[in-house]
Protein backbone atom coordinates (compact mmCIF):
# COMPACT_ATOMS: atom_id res chain seq x y z
CA MET A 1 0.00 0.00 0.00
CA ILE A 2 1.24 3.47 -0.92
CA HIS A 3 0.62 6.31 1.51
CA GLU A 4 -0.66 9.68 0.34
CA LYS A 5 2.57 11.41 1.37
CA ASP A 6 4.54 9.09 -0.96
CA ILE A 7 2.24 9.67 -3.91
CA THR A 8 3.65 9.75 -7.45
CA GLU A 9 1.82 9.92 -10.76
CA ASP A 10 3.45 6.67 -11.93
CA ALA A 11 2.26 4.86 -8.81
CA LEU A 12 -1.25 6.19 -9.35
CA LEU A 13 -1.27 5.14 -13.01
CA LYS A 14 -0.31 1.59 -11.99
CA ILE A 15 -3.16 1.56 -9.48
CA LEU A 16 -5.65 2.97 -12.00
CA GLU A 17 -4.53 0.39 -14.57
CA THR A 18 -6.33 -2.19 -12.41
CA VAL A 19 -9.71 -0.47 -12.91
CA THR A 20 -11.48 -2.04 -15.88
CA ASP A 21 -14.35 -0.89 -18.05
CA PRO A 22 -17.47 -2.75 -16.84
CA GLU A 23 -18.77 -2.97 -20.43
CA VAL A 24 -15.48 -4.23 -21.93
CA PRO A 25 -13.65 -5.86 -19.00
CA VAL A 26 -10.43 -6.53 -20.94
CA LEU A 27 -9.80 -2.76 -21.10
CA SER A 28 -8.49 -0.68 -18.24
CA ILE A 29 -9.48 2.95 -17.88
CA ILE A 30 -5.88 3.75 -18.87
CA ASP A 31 -6.24 1.65 -22.07
CA LEU A 32 -9.42 3.59 -22.87
CA GLY A 33 -7.75 6.94 -22.31
CA ILE A 34 -10.51 8.24 -20.05
CA VAL A 35 -8.06 9.28 -17.31
CA ARG A 36 -7.24 12.76 -18.56
CA LYS A 37 -5.22 14.22 -15.74
CA ILE A 38 -3.99 13.53 -12.23
CA GLU A 39 -3.29 16.43 -9.88
CA ILE A 40 -1.32 15.96 -6.71
CA SER A 41 -1.08 18.96 -4.41
CA ALA A 42 1.89 19.72 -2.17
CA SER A 43 -0.26 18.68 0.80
CA GLY A 44 -0.85 15.27 -0.80
CA SER A 45 -4.46 15.73 -1.89
CA LEU A 46 -5.35 13.94 -5.07
CA GLN A 47 -7.69 14.72 -7.96
CA VAL A 48 -8.31 12.32 -10.83
CA PHE A 49 -9.99 13.82 -13.91
CA ILE A 50 -11.88 11.45 -16.21
CA THR A 51 -13.71 11.93 -19.49
CA PRO A 52 -16.50 9.53 -20.52
CA THR A 53 -16.31 7.82 -23.89
CA TYR A 54 -19.83 9.14 -24.50
CA THR A 55 -21.67 11.89 -22.66
CA GLY A 56 -24.15 10.05 -20.48
CA CYS A 57 -22.21 6.77 -20.65
CA PRO A 58 -23.99 4.45 -18.19
CA ALA A 59 -20.69 2.86 -17.12
CA MET A 60 -19.22 6.08 -15.70
CA ASP A 61 -20.87 5.77 -12.29
CA VAL A 62 -19.46 2.27 -11.88
CA ILE A 63 -16.04 3.42 -13.12
CA LYS A 64 -16.01 6.34 -10.64
CA THR A 65 -16.96 4.00 -7.81
CA ASN A 66 -14.27 1.50 -8.80
CA ILE A 67 -11.66 4.28 -8.97
CA ARG A 68 -12.66 5.45 -5.50
CA LEU A 69 -12.54 1.89 -4.13
CA VAL A 70 -9.10 1.07 -5.57
CA LEU A 71 -7.71 4.36 -4.28
CA LEU A 72 -9.16 3.69 -0.80
CA GLU A 73 -7.66 0.17 -0.87
CA ASN A 74 -4.28 1.79 -1.55
CA GLY A 75 -4.48 4.36 1.22
CA PHE A 76 -5.80 7.38 -0.70
CA ASN A 77 -8.64 8.44 1.57
CA ASN A 78 -9.31 11.95 0.30
CA ALA A 79 -9.18 11.53 -3.47
CA GLU A 80 -11.60 13.44 -5.67
CA ILE A 81 -12.75 12.01 -8.98
CA LYS A 82 -13.97 14.71 -11.34
CA THR A 83 -15.72 14.29 -14.68
CA VAL A 84 -14.54 16.56 -17.49
CA LEU A 85 -16.64 16.75 -20.67
CA SER A 86 -14.43 19.05 -22.72
CA PRO A 87 -12.54 18.26 -24.80
CA VAL A 88 -14.78 15.41 -25.88
CA TRP A 89 -13.22 11.96 -25.61
CA THR A 90 -11.86 10.51 -28.84
CA THR A 91 -10.73 7.03 -29.80
CA ASP A 92 -7.35 8.64 -30.52
CA TRP A 93 -6.85 8.63 -26.73
CA MET A 94 -7.00 4.82 -26.57
CA THR A 95 -3.65 3.09 -26.21
CA LYS A 96 -2.25 0.76 -28.88
CA THR A 97 -2.31 -1.95 -26.23
CA GLY A 98 -5.99 -1.25 -25.58
CA LYS A 99 -6.82 -1.50 -29.28
CA GLN A 100 -5.00 -4.83 -29.50
CA LYS A 101 -6.85 -6.08 -26.39
CA LEU A 102 -10.14 -5.24 -28.15
CA ARG A 103 -9.13 -7.22 -31.25
CA ASP A 104 -7.99 -10.19 -29.13
CA TYR A 105 -11.35 -10.06 -27.30
CA GLY A 106 -13.25 -10.22 -30.61
CA ILE A 107 -14.19 -6.54 -30.91
CA ALA A 108 -12.93 -4.61 -33.92
CA PRO A 109 -10.92 -1.64 -32.63
CA PRO A 110 -11.69 1.84 -33.98
CA ASN A 111 -10.16 2.72 -37.32
CA ILE A 112 -7.17 5.03 -37.11
CA LYS A 113 -9.01 7.83 -38.88
CA GLN A 114 -12.63 8.01 -39.73
CA GLN A 115 -12.76 7.13 -43.40
CA VAL A 116 -16.03 8.92 -44.13
CA CYS A 117 -15.36 12.64 -44.04
CA THR A 118 -17.57 14.38 -46.59
CA LEU A 119 -21.20 15.32 -46.23
CA GLU A 120 -22.01 13.47 -49.46
CA ALA A 121 -20.53 10.24 -48.11
CA PHE A 122 -21.64 10.71 -44.50
CA GLN A 123 -24.12 7.82 -44.49
CA LYS A 124 -21.78 5.29 -46.15
CA ASP A 125 -20.31 2.61 -43.91
CA GLU A 126 -16.67 2.50 -42.92
CA ALA A 127 -14.52 -0.44 -44.01
CA VAL A 128 -14.18 -2.36 -40.75
CA GLN A 129 -11.80 -5.31 -40.41
CA CYS A 130 -13.19 -8.51 -38.91
CA PRO A 131 -11.36 -9.30 -35.64
CA HIS A 132 -11.85 -13.04 -36.26
CA CYS A 133 -10.47 -13.57 -39.80
CA ASN A 134 -9.04 -10.07 -40.64
CA SER A 135 -11.26 -9.69 -43.71
CA TYR A 136 -12.50 -6.27 -44.78
CA HIS A 137 -15.53 -7.88 -46.46
CA THR A 138 -17.87 -6.83 -43.66
CA HIS A 139 -21.13 -4.97 -43.45
CA LEU A 140 -22.98 -2.92 -40.86
CA VAL A 141 -25.91 -4.71 -39.24
CA SER A 142 -26.84 -2.03 -36.69
CA ARG A 143 -25.36 1.35 -35.79
CA PHE A 144 -25.72 0.32 -32.13
CA GLY A 145 -24.19 -2.84 -30.73
CA SER A 146 -24.16 -4.22 -27.21
CA THR A 147 -23.37 -0.74 -25.87
CA PRO A 148 -23.80 2.79 -27.32
CA CYS A 149 -20.06 3.02 -28.07
CA LYS A 150 -20.16 0.00 -30.38
CA ALA A 151 -21.83 -0.87 -33.70
CA LEU A 152 -22.77 -4.39 -34.82
CA TYR A 153 -21.10 -5.74 -37.97
CA LYS A 154 -21.04 -9.10 -39.71
CA CYS A 155 -18.19 -10.59 -41.72
CA ASP A 156 -19.14 -11.70 -45.22
CA ASP A 157 -16.23 -14.18 -45.33
CA CYS A 158 -16.30 -16.03 -41.99
CA LEU A 159 -19.97 -15.09 -41.36
CA GLU A 160 -19.26 -14.15 -37.73
CA PRO A 161 -21.01 -11.16 -36.17
CA PHE A 162 -18.82 -8.77 -34.18
CA ASP A 163 -18.89 -5.47 -32.36
CA TYR A 164 -16.95 -2.51 -33.72
CA PHE A 165 -15.77 0.10 -31.20
CA LYS A 166 -16.99 3.22 -32.99
CA CYS A 167 -14.53 5.89 -34.02
CA HIS A 168 -15.17 9.39 -32.68
């Protein structure tokens, strides 16, 4: 257990790495990039700033509670967890490791850049790679998958359905 007087950002990041997303349990909140900032005052008080993947994300209350619990377990009794909505979270904040964990779990990670950029092409589907067979012969089944941050796709080659972690 680390005491508040011995607090370092690296130690806190290691602790926060143990907090997982309740909707995608293979991802930590560090993998997701929702931990935006950690502030440690000279007196040892701690503030953790988080940004939800979607405004109104139903998992954020559970994530905040789990952050508070893991910090309490590690001796941080007066930590504040603050939600920050601006700038808006983007999949660019996800770690490479997190994106690979998604693929290994069977969820297509977000594309590097959104491929549909023009107003004329806005409604066309992105080319999404199947996490099972790596084919790009896939099609959108539903814009909403098992959670609001995912869409449901199906592979035309291996015929497997899969979630795609939406790019935004």
